[in-house]
Amino acid sequence: MSEPMTAVRETGGEIALGPSCRLTYHLRYPFLPEQPAISRCYLQYVRLYEQRIHTRYLPDLQRMPGGSLAGDLTIEGSCEIMYAQNGLFSAFMDIYEDLGPYRRTLGRSSATWDLRSARQLGLAQLFRSPNAVRRIISGRIGLELAGGREGCYYPAPPARQPRQFYLSEGGLAVYFQPNTVAPASGGIPTFLIPWDDLRPYAKFPL
């Protein structure tokens, strides 16, 4: 199967919240011209997020005490297409919300797709012996957490087995949301499991 055509689309808007405050949002998301079902999933995700801005964030912001909001509030959504070969497509999307005193958050979502069936895949569909793969992931993460600089990771992270991942050229990337295994200032902790560690278990060519 040839490599799929991929692109990035974007949408955004600007909303006045008062004479001295406005909310600007800009969202980027993957688009696969030859895979309308997958493209619709990303478009639906973006539309639902835009709906959240209008039905949840705006009413909350408008109820905040007068004078507490000023200047520009921003929401930036970026996306990275990380893998598009061997009949698979994998990408992640990051959204950073800077809404002043209301909320400041960073989050990541990701998905890996089978291009033949337009089906989203988990570890069990990508690898034989998924429990063995999870042990490899946990071991690699445990070593990196233990060897991190002081203050880089929490002393006793609550979990070492993230459920979120994406494929990349160099290996399987697994990640935690901010403020889980590391302080929020550290961004999104991401750990790369090299393909050499996973090659014996892969259901797709490496």
N, C-alpha and C. Protein backbone atom coordinates (compact mmCIF):
# COMPACT_ATOMS: atom_id res chain seq x y z
N MET A 1 0.86 -1.19 0.00
CA MET A 1 0.00 0.00 0.00
C MET A 1 0.89 1.24 0.00
N SER A 2 0.63 2.14 -0.94
CA SER A 2 1.45 3.35 -1.04
C SER A 2 1.16 4.28 0.12
N GLU A 3 2.11 5.19 0.35
CA GLU A 3 1.93 6.15 1.44
C GLU A 3 0.73 7.04 1.15
N PRO A 4 -0.10 7.31 2.15
CA PRO A 4 -1.30 8.11 1.92
C PRO A 4 -0.98 9.58 1.73
N MET A 5 -1.85 10.25 1.00
CA MET A 5 -1.77 11.71 0.92
C MET A 5 -2.25 12.29 2.25
N THR A 6 -1.49 13.21 2.79
CA THR A 6 -1.87 13.82 4.07
C THR A 6 -1.73 15.32 3.97
N ALA A 7 -2.51 16.01 4.77
CA ALA A 7 -2.46 17.46 4.82
C ALA A 7 -2.93 17.90 6.20
N VAL A 8 -2.82 19.18 6.45
CA VAL A 8 -3.29 19.76 7.70
C VAL A 8 -4.27 20.87 7.35
N ARG A 9 -5.43 20.82 7.94
CA ARG A 9 -6.42 21.90 7.79
C ARG A 9 -6.51 22.68 9.08
N GLU A 10 -7.14 23.84 9.01
CA GLU A 10 -7.23 24.67 10.21
C GLU A 10 -8.52 25.46 10.21
N THR A 11 -8.92 25.82 11.42
CA THR A 11 -10.09 26.66 11.61
C THR A 11 -9.83 27.55 12.81
N GLY A 12 -10.64 28.55 13.00
CA GLY A 12 -10.42 29.45 14.12
C GLY A 12 -11.48 30.52 14.18
N GLY A 13 -11.33 31.40 15.14
CA GLY A 13 -12.28 32.47 15.30
C GLY A 13 -11.82 33.46 16.34
N GLU A 14 -12.55 34.55 16.44
CA GLU A 14 -12.26 35.59 17.42
C GLU A 14 -13.57 36.06 18.02
N ILE A 15 -13.63 36.11 19.36
CA ILE A 15 -14.86 36.43 20.07
C ILE A 15 -14.58 37.55 21.05
N ALA A 16 -15.34 38.62 20.96
CA ALA A 16 -15.19 39.73 21.89
C ALA A 16 -15.86 39.39 23.21
N LEU A 17 -15.13 39.61 24.30
CA LEU A 17 -15.66 39.35 25.63
C LEU A 17 -15.89 40.63 26.41
N GLY A 18 -15.64 41.74 25.81
CA GLY A 18 -15.78 43.03 26.46
C GLY A 18 -14.92 44.05 25.75
N PRO A 19 -14.95 45.28 26.21
CA PRO A 19 -14.19 46.34 25.53
C PRO A 19 -12.69 46.12 25.56
N SER A 20 -12.18 45.36 26.52
CA SER A 20 -10.74 45.20 26.63
C SER A 20 -10.30 43.73 26.64
N CYS A 21 -11.17 42.85 26.17
CA CYS A 21 -10.82 41.43 26.20
C CYS A 21 -11.43 40.71 25.01
N ARG A 22 -10.66 39.81 24.44
CA ARG A 22 -11.16 38.99 23.34
C ARG A 22 -10.53 37.60 23.44
N LEU A 23 -11.26 36.62 22.93
CA LEU A 23 -10.78 35.24 22.88
C LEU A 23 -10.53 34.89 21.41
N THR A 24 -9.31 34.46 21.13
CA THR A 24 -8.94 34.02 19.79
C THR A 24 -8.55 32.56 19.86
N TYR A 25 -9.11 31.77 18.94
CA TYR A 25 -8.73 30.36 18.91
C TYR A 25 -8.32 29.96 17.49
N HIS A 26 -7.38 29.03 17.44
CA HIS A 26 -6.83 28.56 16.17
C HIS A 26 -6.54 27.07 16.33
N LEU A 27 -7.19 26.25 15.52
CA LEU A 27 -7.08 24.80 15.65
C LEU A 27 -6.62 24.19 14.33
N ARG A 28 -5.61 23.34 14.40
CA ARG A 28 -5.12 22.61 13.23
C ARG A 28 -5.39 21.13 13.42
N TYR A 29 -5.73 20.44 12.33
CA TYR A 29 -6.08 19.02 12.45
C TYR A 29 -5.74 18.29 11.15
N PRO A 30 -5.50 16.97 11.25
CA PRO A 30 -5.12 16.21 10.05
C PRO A 30 -6.27 16.06 9.06
N PHE A 31 -5.89 15.96 7.80
CA PHE A 31 -6.86 15.73 6.71
C PHE A 31 -6.24 14.75 5.74
N LEU A 32 -6.97 13.69 5.44
CA LEU A 32 -6.51 12.66 4.50
C LEU A 32 -7.48 12.64 3.32
N PRO A 33 -7.11 13.21 2.19
CA PRO A 33 -8.04 13.31 1.06
C PRO A 33 -8.59 11.97 0.60
N GLU A 34 -7.81 10.90 0.73
CA GLU A 34 -8.24 9.59 0.26
C GLU A 34 -8.92 8.77 1.34
N GLN A 35 -9.06 9.34 2.53
CA GLN A 35 -9.67 8.62 3.66
C GLN A 35 -10.75 9.49 4.30
N PRO A 36 -11.90 9.63 3.64
CA PRO A 36 -12.93 10.54 4.16
C PRO A 36 -13.45 10.15 5.54
N ALA A 37 -13.51 8.85 5.83
CA ALA A 37 -14.03 8.43 7.14
C ALA A 37 -13.11 8.90 8.27
N ILE A 38 -11.80 8.77 8.07
CA ILE A 38 -10.84 9.23 9.09
C ILE A 38 -10.87 10.75 9.19
N SER A 39 -10.92 11.42 8.04
CA SER A 39 -10.96 12.88 8.05
C SER A 39 -12.20 13.39 8.78
N ARG A 40 -13.33 12.69 8.60
CA ARG A 40 -14.55 13.11 9.30
C ARG A 40 -14.40 13.00 10.81
N CYS A 41 -13.66 11.99 11.28
CA CYS A 41 -13.46 11.84 12.72
C CYS A 41 -12.70 13.04 13.29
N TYR A 42 -11.64 13.47 12.58
CA TYR A 42 -10.89 14.63 13.06
C TYR A 42 -11.74 15.90 12.98
N LEU A 43 -12.51 16.05 11.91
CA LEU A 43 -13.36 17.23 11.78
C LEU A 43 -14.41 17.25 12.89
N GLN A 44 -14.98 16.08 13.20
CA GLN A 44 -15.97 16.02 14.27
C GLN A 44 -15.36 16.41 15.61
N TYR A 45 -14.14 15.94 15.86
CA TYR A 45 -13.45 16.29 17.10
C TYR A 45 -13.29 17.81 17.21
N VAL A 46 -12.87 18.46 16.13
CA VAL A 46 -12.66 19.90 16.15
C VAL A 46 -13.99 20.63 16.34
N ARG A 47 -15.03 20.17 15.67
CA ARG A 47 -16.33 20.82 15.81
C ARG A 47 -16.88 20.68 17.23
N LEU A 48 -16.67 19.54 17.84
CA LEU A 48 -17.11 19.36 19.22
C LEU A 48 -16.32 20.27 20.16
N TYR A 49 -15.05 20.45 19.87
CA TYR A 49 -14.24 21.34 20.70
C TYR A 49 -14.71 22.79 20.52
N GLU A 50 -14.98 23.20 19.29
CA GLU A 50 -15.51 24.54 19.06
C GLU A 50 -16.84 24.72 19.80
N GLN A 51 -17.67 23.69 19.80
CA GLN A 51 -18.94 23.77 20.52
C GLN A 51 -18.70 23.96 22.01
N ARG A 52 -17.67 23.27 22.55
CA ARG A 52 -17.34 23.45 23.97
C ARG A 52 -16.94 24.89 24.26
N ILE A 53 -16.17 25.49 23.37
CA ILE A 53 -15.78 26.89 23.56
C ILE A 53 -17.01 27.77 23.72
N HIS A 54 -18.00 27.56 22.84
CA HIS A 54 -19.16 28.45 22.82
C HIS A 54 -20.19 28.13 23.92
N THR A 55 -20.33 26.86 24.26
CA THR A 55 -21.39 26.50 25.21
C THR A 55 -20.91 26.37 26.64
N ARG A 56 -19.59 26.21 26.84
CA ARG A 56 -19.08 26.05 28.20
C ARG A 56 -18.14 27.18 28.58
N TYR A 57 -17.09 27.39 27.78
CA TYR A 57 -16.08 28.38 28.16
C TYR A 57 -16.65 29.79 28.15
N LEU A 58 -17.35 30.17 27.08
CA LEU A 58 -17.84 31.54 27.00
C LEU A 58 -18.79 31.90 28.13
N PRO A 59 -19.81 31.08 28.43
CA PRO A 59 -20.68 31.43 29.56
C PRO A 59 -19.91 31.55 30.87
N ASP A 60 -18.94 30.66 31.10
CA ASP A 60 -18.15 30.75 32.34
C ASP A 60 -17.33 32.03 32.36
N LEU A 61 -16.72 32.37 31.24
CA LEU A 61 -15.92 33.59 31.18
C LEU A 61 -16.78 34.84 31.39
N GLN A 62 -17.97 34.83 30.81
CA GLN A 62 -18.84 35.99 30.94
C GLN A 62 -19.39 36.15 32.35
N ARG A 63 -19.38 35.10 33.15
CA ARG A 63 -19.84 35.19 34.53
C ARG A 63 -18.74 35.61 35.50
N MET A 64 -17.53 35.72 35.01
CA MET A 64 -16.43 36.10 35.90
C MET A 64 -16.57 37.56 36.32
N PRO A 65 -16.06 37.91 37.50
CA PRO A 65 -16.21 39.29 37.99
C PRO A 65 -15.65 40.31 37.01
N GLY A 66 -16.30 41.45 36.91
CA GLY A 66 -15.84 42.50 36.03
C GLY A 66 -14.42 42.93 36.33
N GLY A 67 -13.64 43.11 35.29
CA GLY A 67 -12.26 43.53 35.45
C GLY A 67 -11.27 42.40 35.62
N SER A 68 -11.77 41.17 35.83
CA SER A 68 -10.83 40.05 36.02
C SER A 68 -10.26 39.56 34.70
N LEU A 69 -10.94 39.89 33.59
CA LEU A 69 -10.46 39.49 32.27
C LEU A 69 -10.03 40.73 31.49
N ALA A 70 -8.87 40.64 30.90
CA ALA A 70 -8.38 41.75 30.08
C ALA A 70 -7.35 41.20 29.11
N GLY A 71 -7.20 41.91 27.99
CA GLY A 71 -6.20 41.51 27.01
C GLY A 71 -6.68 40.35 26.16
N ASP A 72 -5.74 39.62 25.61
CA ASP A 72 -6.05 38.53 24.69
C ASP A 72 -6.02 37.18 25.41
N LEU A 73 -7.10 36.44 25.28
CA LEU A 73 -7.15 35.05 25.70
C LEU A 73 -6.99 34.20 24.44
N THR A 74 -6.25 33.12 24.55
CA THR A 74 -5.94 32.35 23.35
C THR A 74 -6.10 30.85 23.58
N ILE A 75 -6.49 30.18 22.51
CA ILE A 75 -6.49 28.72 22.46
C ILE A 75 -5.76 28.33 21.18
N GLU A 76 -4.71 27.56 21.33
CA GLU A 76 -3.91 27.13 20.17
C GLU A 76 -3.93 25.61 20.08
N GLY A 77 -4.38 25.11 18.96
CA GLY A 77 -4.38 23.68 18.72
C GLY A 77 -3.45 23.34 17.57
N SER A 78 -2.47 22.51 17.83
CA SER A 78 -1.52 22.10 16.80
C SER A 78 -1.66 20.62 16.53
N CYS A 79 -1.16 20.16 15.40
CA CYS A 79 -1.18 18.73 15.12
C CYS A 79 0.12 18.34 14.43
N GLU A 80 0.52 17.10 14.65
CA GLU A 80 1.72 16.56 14.02
C GLU A 80 1.38 15.19 13.45
N ILE A 81 1.61 15.04 12.16
CA ILE A 81 1.46 13.74 11.52
C ILE A 81 2.80 13.02 11.67
N MET A 82 2.79 11.91 12.41
CA MET A 82 4.03 11.27 12.81
C MET A 82 4.38 10.01 12.03
N TYR A 83 3.38 9.35 11.45
CA TYR A 83 3.64 8.08 10.76
C TYR A 83 2.56 7.90 9.70
N ALA A 84 2.98 7.62 8.48
CA ALA A 84 2.03 7.41 7.39
C ALA A 84 2.65 6.45 6.38
N GLN A 85 2.70 5.18 6.75
CA GLN A 85 3.26 4.16 5.87
C GLN A 85 2.79 2.79 6.35
N ASN A 86 3.09 1.77 5.54
CA ASN A 86 2.72 0.39 5.88
C ASN A 86 1.23 0.24 6.19
N GLY A 87 0.40 1.03 5.52
CA GLY A 87 -1.04 0.94 5.72
C GLY A 87 -1.53 1.53 7.02
N LEU A 88 -0.67 2.31 7.70
CA LEU A 88 -1.02 2.90 8.98
C LEU A 88 -0.86 4.41 8.94
N PHE A 89 -1.64 5.08 9.78
CA PHE A 89 -1.54 6.54 9.92
C PHE A 89 -1.62 6.86 11.40
N SER A 90 -0.69 7.68 11.88
CA SER A 90 -0.66 8.03 13.30
C SER A 90 -0.33 9.52 13.45
N ALA A 91 -1.08 10.18 14.30
CA ALA A 91 -0.89 11.63 14.51
C ALA A 91 -1.31 11.99 15.92
N PHE A 92 -0.83 13.15 16.37
CA PHE A 92 -1.31 13.66 17.66
C PHE A 92 -1.69 15.12 17.51
N MET A 93 -2.55 15.56 18.43
CA MET A 93 -3.00 16.94 18.49
C MET A 93 -2.79 17.47 19.89
N ASP A 94 -2.18 18.65 20.01
CA ASP A 94 -2.00 19.33 21.29
C ASP A 94 -2.88 20.57 21.33
N ILE A 95 -3.52 20.80 22.45
CA ILE A 95 -4.31 22.03 22.63
C ILE A 95 -3.85 22.73 23.89
N TYR A 96 -3.43 23.98 23.72
CA TYR A 96 -3.02 24.83 24.85
C TYR A 96 -4.06 25.92 25.02
N GLU A 97 -4.64 25.97 26.20
CA GLU A 97 -5.65 26.98 26.52
C GLU A 97 -5.05 27.99 27.50
N ASP A 98 -4.98 29.23 27.09
CA ASP A 98 -4.55 30.31 27.98
C ASP A 98 -5.72 31.25 28.14
N LEU A 99 -6.54 30.97 29.13
CA LEU A 99 -7.75 31.74 29.36
C LEU A 99 -7.66 32.54 30.65
N GLY A 100 -6.47 33.07 30.89
CA GLY A 100 -6.27 33.96 32.02
C GLY A 100 -6.58 33.27 33.34
N PRO A 101 -7.27 33.96 34.24
CA PRO A 101 -7.56 33.37 35.56
C PRO A 101 -8.57 32.23 35.50
N TYR A 102 -9.23 32.05 34.37
CA TYR A 102 -10.23 30.98 34.26
C TYR A 102 -9.56 29.62 34.17
N ARG A 103 -8.59 29.44 33.27
CA ARG A 103 -7.88 28.17 33.17
C ARG A 103 -6.68 28.31 32.23
N ARG A 104 -5.63 27.59 32.57
CA ARG A 104 -4.48 27.43 31.69
C ARG A 104 -4.14 25.95 31.66
N THR A 105 -4.32 25.32 30.53
CA THR A 105 -4.11 23.88 30.44
C THR A 105 -3.44 23.52 29.12
N LEU A 106 -2.77 22.38 29.15
CA LEU A 106 -2.19 21.78 27.96
C LEU A 106 -2.58 20.32 27.94
N GLY A 107 -3.05 19.84 26.80
CA GLY A 107 -3.44 18.44 26.69
C GLY A 107 -3.11 17.88 25.32
N ARG A 108 -2.95 16.58 25.26
CA ARG A 108 -2.63 15.91 23.99
C ARG A 108 -3.61 14.77 23.77
N SER A 109 -3.99 14.58 22.52
CA SER A 109 -4.75 13.40 22.11
C SER A 109 -4.07 12.82 20.88
N SER A 110 -4.23 11.52 20.68
CA SER A 110 -3.57 10.88 19.55
C SER A 110 -4.43 9.73 19.05
N ALA A 111 -4.15 9.30 17.84
CA ALA A 111 -4.86 8.15 17.27
C ALA A 111 -3.97 7.51 16.22
N THR A 112 -4.10 6.19 16.12
CA THR A 112 -3.42 5.42 15.09
C THR A 112 -4.49 4.63 14.34
N TRP A 113 -4.42 4.70 13.00
CA TRP A 113 -5.49 4.16 12.16
C TRP A 113 -4.97 3.10 11.20
N ASP A 114 -5.82 2.12 10.94
CA ASP A 114 -5.63 1.19 9.83
C ASP A 114 -6.27 1.83 8.60
N LEU A 115 -5.47 2.15 7.60
CA LEU A 115 -6.00 2.87 6.44
C LEU A 115 -6.92 2.00 5.59
N ARG A 116 -6.77 0.70 5.66
CA ARG A 116 -7.62 -0.18 4.85
C ARG A 116 -9.05 -0.21 5.37
N SER A 117 -9.19 -0.24 6.68
CA SER A 117 -10.52 -0.37 7.28
C SER A 117 -11.02 0.93 7.91
N ALA A 118 -10.15 1.97 7.97
CA ALA A 118 -10.48 3.23 8.65
C ALA A 118 -10.85 2.96 10.11
N ARG A 119 -10.16 1.99 10.72
CA ARG A 119 -10.42 1.60 12.10
C ARG A 119 -9.29 2.08 12.98
N GLN A 120 -9.63 2.63 14.15
CA GLN A 120 -8.61 3.07 15.08
C GLN A 120 -8.03 1.85 15.79
N LEU A 121 -6.71 1.85 15.99
CA LEU A 121 -6.01 0.69 16.50
C LEU A 121 -5.43 0.95 17.89
N GLY A 122 -5.45 -0.08 18.72
CA GLY A 122 -4.76 -0.06 20.00
C GLY A 122 -3.54 -0.97 19.94
N LEU A 123 -2.86 -1.09 21.07
CA LEU A 123 -1.65 -1.91 21.10
C LEU A 123 -1.95 -3.36 20.72
N ALA A 124 -3.11 -3.87 21.13
CA ALA A 124 -3.43 -5.26 20.87
C ALA A 124 -3.61 -5.54 19.37
N GLN A 125 -4.00 -4.53 18.61
CA GLN A 125 -4.15 -4.72 17.16
C GLN A 125 -2.84 -4.52 16.41
N LEU A 126 -1.89 -3.83 17.04
CA LEU A 126 -0.61 -3.54 16.38
C LEU A 126 0.47 -4.56 16.71
N PHE A 127 0.36 -5.21 17.87
CA PHE A 127 1.44 -6.08 18.33
C PHE A 127 0.90 -7.42 18.82
N ARG A 128 1.68 -8.47 18.53
CA ARG A 128 1.44 -9.76 19.16
C ARG A 128 1.92 -9.67 20.62
N SER A 129 1.35 -10.48 21.46
CA SER A 129 1.72 -10.49 22.89
C SER A 129 1.71 -9.07 23.47
N PRO A 130 0.54 -8.42 23.48
CA PRO A 130 0.49 -7.03 23.98
C PRO A 130 0.95 -6.89 25.42
N ASN A 131 0.78 -7.92 26.24
CA ASN A 131 1.26 -7.83 27.61
C ASN A 131 2.78 -7.74 27.66
N ALA A 132 3.45 -8.49 26.78
CA ALA A 132 4.92 -8.40 26.71
C ALA A 132 5.33 -7.01 26.25
N VAL A 133 4.60 -6.44 25.31
CA VAL A 133 4.90 -5.09 24.83
C VAL A 133 4.70 -4.08 25.95
N ARG A 134 3.65 -4.25 26.73
CA ARG A 134 3.41 -3.33 27.85
C ARG A 134 4.53 -3.43 28.88
N ARG A 135 5.05 -4.63 29.10
CA ARG A 135 6.16 -4.77 30.04
C ARG A 135 7.41 -4.06 29.51
N ILE A 136 7.64 -4.15 28.22
CA ILE A 136 8.78 -3.44 27.62
C ILE A 136 8.61 -1.93 27.80
N ILE A 137 7.40 -1.45 27.54
CA ILE A 137 7.12 -0.02 27.69
C ILE A 137 7.33 0.41 29.14
N SER A 138 6.76 -0.34 30.07
CA SER A 138 6.87 0.02 31.49
C SER A 138 8.34 0.01 31.94
N GLY A 139 9.10 -0.99 31.47
CA GLY A 139 10.51 -1.05 31.85
C GLY A 139 11.30 0.13 31.34
N ARG A 140 11.06 0.50 30.08
CA ARG A 140 11.78 1.64 29.49
C ARG A 140 11.41 2.93 30.22
N ILE A 141 10.12 3.12 30.50
CA ILE A 141 9.68 4.33 31.20
C ILE A 141 10.25 4.36 32.61
N GLY A 142 10.22 3.20 33.29
CA GLY A 142 10.75 3.15 34.65
C GLY A 142 12.21 3.56 34.71
N LEU A 143 13.01 3.10 33.74
CA LEU A 143 14.43 3.47 33.71
C LEU A 143 14.60 4.97 33.50
N GLU A 144 13.81 5.53 32.60
CA GLU A 144 13.95 6.97 32.32
C GLU A 144 13.48 7.81 33.50
N LEU A 145 12.40 7.37 34.15
CA LEU A 145 11.93 8.11 35.32
C LEU A 145 12.97 8.07 36.44
N ALA A 146 13.56 6.89 36.63
CA ALA A 146 14.55 6.75 37.71
C ALA A 146 15.82 7.53 37.41
N GLY A 147 16.17 7.66 36.14
CA GLY A 147 17.41 8.34 35.78
C GLY A 147 17.24 9.80 35.44
N GLY A 148 16.03 10.34 35.62
CA GLY A 148 15.80 11.74 35.28
C GLY A 148 16.47 12.68 36.24
N ARG A 149 16.67 13.92 35.76
CA ARG A 149 17.25 14.94 36.63
C ARG A 149 16.35 15.19 37.83
N GLU A 150 16.95 15.56 38.95
CA GLU A 150 16.18 15.83 40.16
C GLU A 150 15.16 16.94 39.88
N GLY A 151 13.93 16.69 40.21
CA GLY A 151 12.86 17.65 39.97
C GLY A 151 12.22 17.53 38.61
N CYS A 152 12.82 16.71 37.74
CA CYS A 152 12.25 16.55 36.40
C CYS A 152 10.97 15.73 36.43
N TYR A 153 10.99 14.65 37.25
CA TYR A 153 9.82 13.81 37.43
C TYR A 153 9.45 13.75 38.91
N TYR A 154 8.21 13.43 39.19
CA TYR A 154 7.80 13.25 40.57
C TYR A 154 8.54 12.05 41.18
N PRO A 155 8.85 12.11 42.48
CA PRO A 155 9.60 11.00 43.10
C PRO A 155 8.89 9.66 42.99
N ALA A 156 7.59 9.65 43.13
CA ALA A 156 6.83 8.39 43.04
C ALA A 156 5.66 8.59 42.09
N PRO A 157 5.91 8.51 40.80
CA PRO A 157 4.82 8.73 39.84
C PRO A 157 3.66 7.77 40.10
N PRO A 158 2.43 8.25 39.96
CA PRO A 158 1.27 7.41 40.26
C PRO A 158 1.08 6.26 39.28
N ALA A 159 1.62 6.37 38.08
CA ALA A 159 1.45 5.31 37.08
C ALA A 159 2.62 5.35 36.13
N ARG A 160 2.99 4.19 35.64
CA ARG A 160 4.08 4.11 34.67
C ARG A 160 3.63 3.49 33.36
N GLN A 161 2.33 3.27 33.21
CA GLN A 161 1.82 2.64 32.01
C GLN A 161 0.77 3.54 31.36
N PRO A 162 1.20 4.46 30.52
CA PRO A 162 0.22 5.32 29.87
C PRO A 162 -0.62 4.54 28.87
N ARG A 163 -1.80 4.99 28.64
CA ARG A 163 -2.67 4.34 27.66
C ARG A 163 -2.59 5.05 26.31
N GLN A 164 -1.89 6.14 26.24
CA GLN A 164 -1.88 6.95 25.03
C GLN A 164 -0.54 6.83 24.32
N PHE A 165 -0.60 6.72 23.00
CA PHE A 165 0.61 6.51 22.23
C PHE A 165 0.39 6.96 20.79
N TYR A 166 1.48 7.06 20.06
CA TYR A 166 1.42 7.22 18.61
C TYR A 166 2.67 6.57 18.02
N LEU A 167 2.61 6.30 16.73
CA LEU A 167 3.76 5.74 16.03
C LEU A 167 4.62 6.86 15.48
N SER A 168 5.92 6.61 15.41
CA SER A 168 6.83 7.58 14.81
C SER A 168 7.88 6.83 14.01
N GLU A 169 8.70 7.55 13.27
CA GLU A 169 9.74 6.90 12.47
C GLU A 169 10.72 6.15 13.36
N GLY A 170 10.98 6.67 14.56
CA GLY A 170 12.00 6.08 15.43
C GLY A 170 11.49 5.01 16.37
N GLY A 171 10.18 4.92 16.55
CA GLY A 171 9.66 3.93 17.48
C GLY A 171 8.26 4.29 17.95
N LEU A 172 7.83 3.60 18.97
CA LEU A 172 6.53 3.85 19.58
C LEU A 172 6.68 4.93 20.64
N ALA A 173 5.95 6.02 20.48
CA ALA A 173 6.01 7.13 21.44
C ALA A 173 4.82 7.01 22.39
N VAL A 174 5.10 6.91 23.68
CA VAL A 174 4.04 6.88 24.69
C VAL A 174 4.19 8.12 25.56
N TYR A 175 3.09 8.63 26.04
CA TYR A 175 3.15 9.91 26.74
C TYR A 175 2.14 9.97 27.88
N PHE A 176 2.42 10.89 28.78
CA PHE A 176 1.54 11.20 29.91
C PHE A 176 1.06 12.64 29.77
N GLN A 177 -0.11 12.92 30.29
CA GLN A 177 -0.60 14.29 30.31
C GLN A 177 0.21 15.09 31.34
N PRO A 178 0.25 16.41 31.20
CA PRO A 178 0.97 17.24 32.18
C PRO A 178 0.48 16.99 33.61
N ASN A 179 1.41 17.12 34.54
CA ASN A 179 1.11 17.02 35.97
C ASN A 179 0.68 15.62 36.39
N THR A 180 1.17 14.60 35.68
CA THR A 180 0.90 13.22 36.10
C THR A 180 2.20 12.60 36.63
N VAL A 181 3.20 12.45 35.78
CA VAL A 181 4.48 11.92 36.26
C VAL A 181 5.52 13.03 36.42
N ALA A 182 5.17 14.23 36.00
CA ALA A 182 6.09 15.36 36.09
C ALA A 182 5.29 16.64 36.31
N PRO A 183 5.90 17.69 36.85
CA PRO A 183 5.18 18.95 37.03
C PRO A 183 4.65 19.49 35.70
N ALA A 184 3.56 20.24 35.78
CA ALA A 184 2.94 20.78 34.58
C ALA A 184 3.91 21.62 33.77
N SER A 185 4.87 22.25 34.44
CA SER A 185 5.85 23.08 33.72
C SER A 185 6.73 22.26 32.79
N GLY A 186 6.75 20.94 32.99
CA GLY A 186 7.55 20.07 32.13
C GLY A 186 6.88 19.69 30.84
N GLY A 187 5.68 20.20 30.59
CA GLY A 187 4.98 19.91 29.35
C GLY A 187 4.40 18.50 29.35
N ILE A 188 4.49 17.83 28.22
CA ILE A 188 3.92 16.50 28.04
C ILE A 188 5.05 15.48 28.01
N PRO A 189 5.28 14.75 29.11
CA PRO A 189 6.38 13.78 29.12
C PRO A 189 6.15 12.68 28.08
N THR A 190 7.11 12.51 27.20
CA THR A 190 6.99 11.55 26.10
C THR A 190 8.21 10.63 26.11
N PHE A 191 7.96 9.36 25.94
CA PHE A 191 9.01 8.35 26.00
C PHE A 191 9.00 7.54 24.71
N LEU A 192 10.14 7.40 24.09
CA LEU A 192 10.25 6.68 22.81
C LEU A 192 10.77 5.27 23.06
N ILE A 193 10.00 4.29 22.60
CA ILE A 193 10.41 2.89 22.68
C ILE A 193 10.92 2.51 21.30
N PRO A 194 12.22 2.29 21.12
CA PRO A 194 12.78 2.05 19.78
C PRO A 194 12.14 0.82 19.13
N TRP A 195 12.05 0.88 17.80
CA TRP A 195 11.47 -0.25 17.07
C TRP A 195 12.27 -1.53 17.29
N ASP A 196 13.57 -1.42 17.51
CA ASP A 196 14.37 -2.62 17.74
C ASP A 196 13.86 -3.41 18.94
N ASP A 197 13.33 -2.72 19.95
CA ASP A 197 12.79 -3.40 21.13
C ASP A 197 11.46 -4.11 20.83
N LEU A 198 10.75 -3.62 19.82
CA LEU A 198 9.39 -4.09 19.57
C LEU A 198 9.25 -4.92 18.30
N ARG A 199 10.31 -4.97 17.50
CA ARG A 199 10.25 -5.62 16.20
C ARG A 199 9.71 -7.07 16.27
N PRO A 200 10.12 -7.86 17.26
CA PRO A 200 9.63 -9.25 17.28
C PRO A 200 8.12 -9.38 17.47
N TYR A 201 7.47 -8.33 17.95
CA TYR A 201 6.06 -8.40 18.27
C TYR A 201 5.17 -7.69 17.24
N ALA A 202 5.75 -6.91 16.35
CA ALA A 202 4.96 -6.07 15.46
C ALA A 202 4.18 -6.90 14.45
N LYS A 203 2.93 -6.52 14.22
CA LYS A 203 2.09 -7.15 13.21
C LYS A 203 2.22 -6.45 11.87
N PHE A 204 3.01 -5.39 11.81
CA PHE A 204 3.20 -4.66 10.56
C PHE A 204 4.70 -4.61 10.26
N PRO A 205 5.08 -4.43 8.99
CA PRO A 205 6.51 -4.47 8.64
C PRO A 205 7.28 -3.29 9.23
N LEU A 206 8.48 -3.59 9.74
CA LEU A 206 9.35 -2.57 10.30
C LEU A 206 10.71 -2.65 9.61
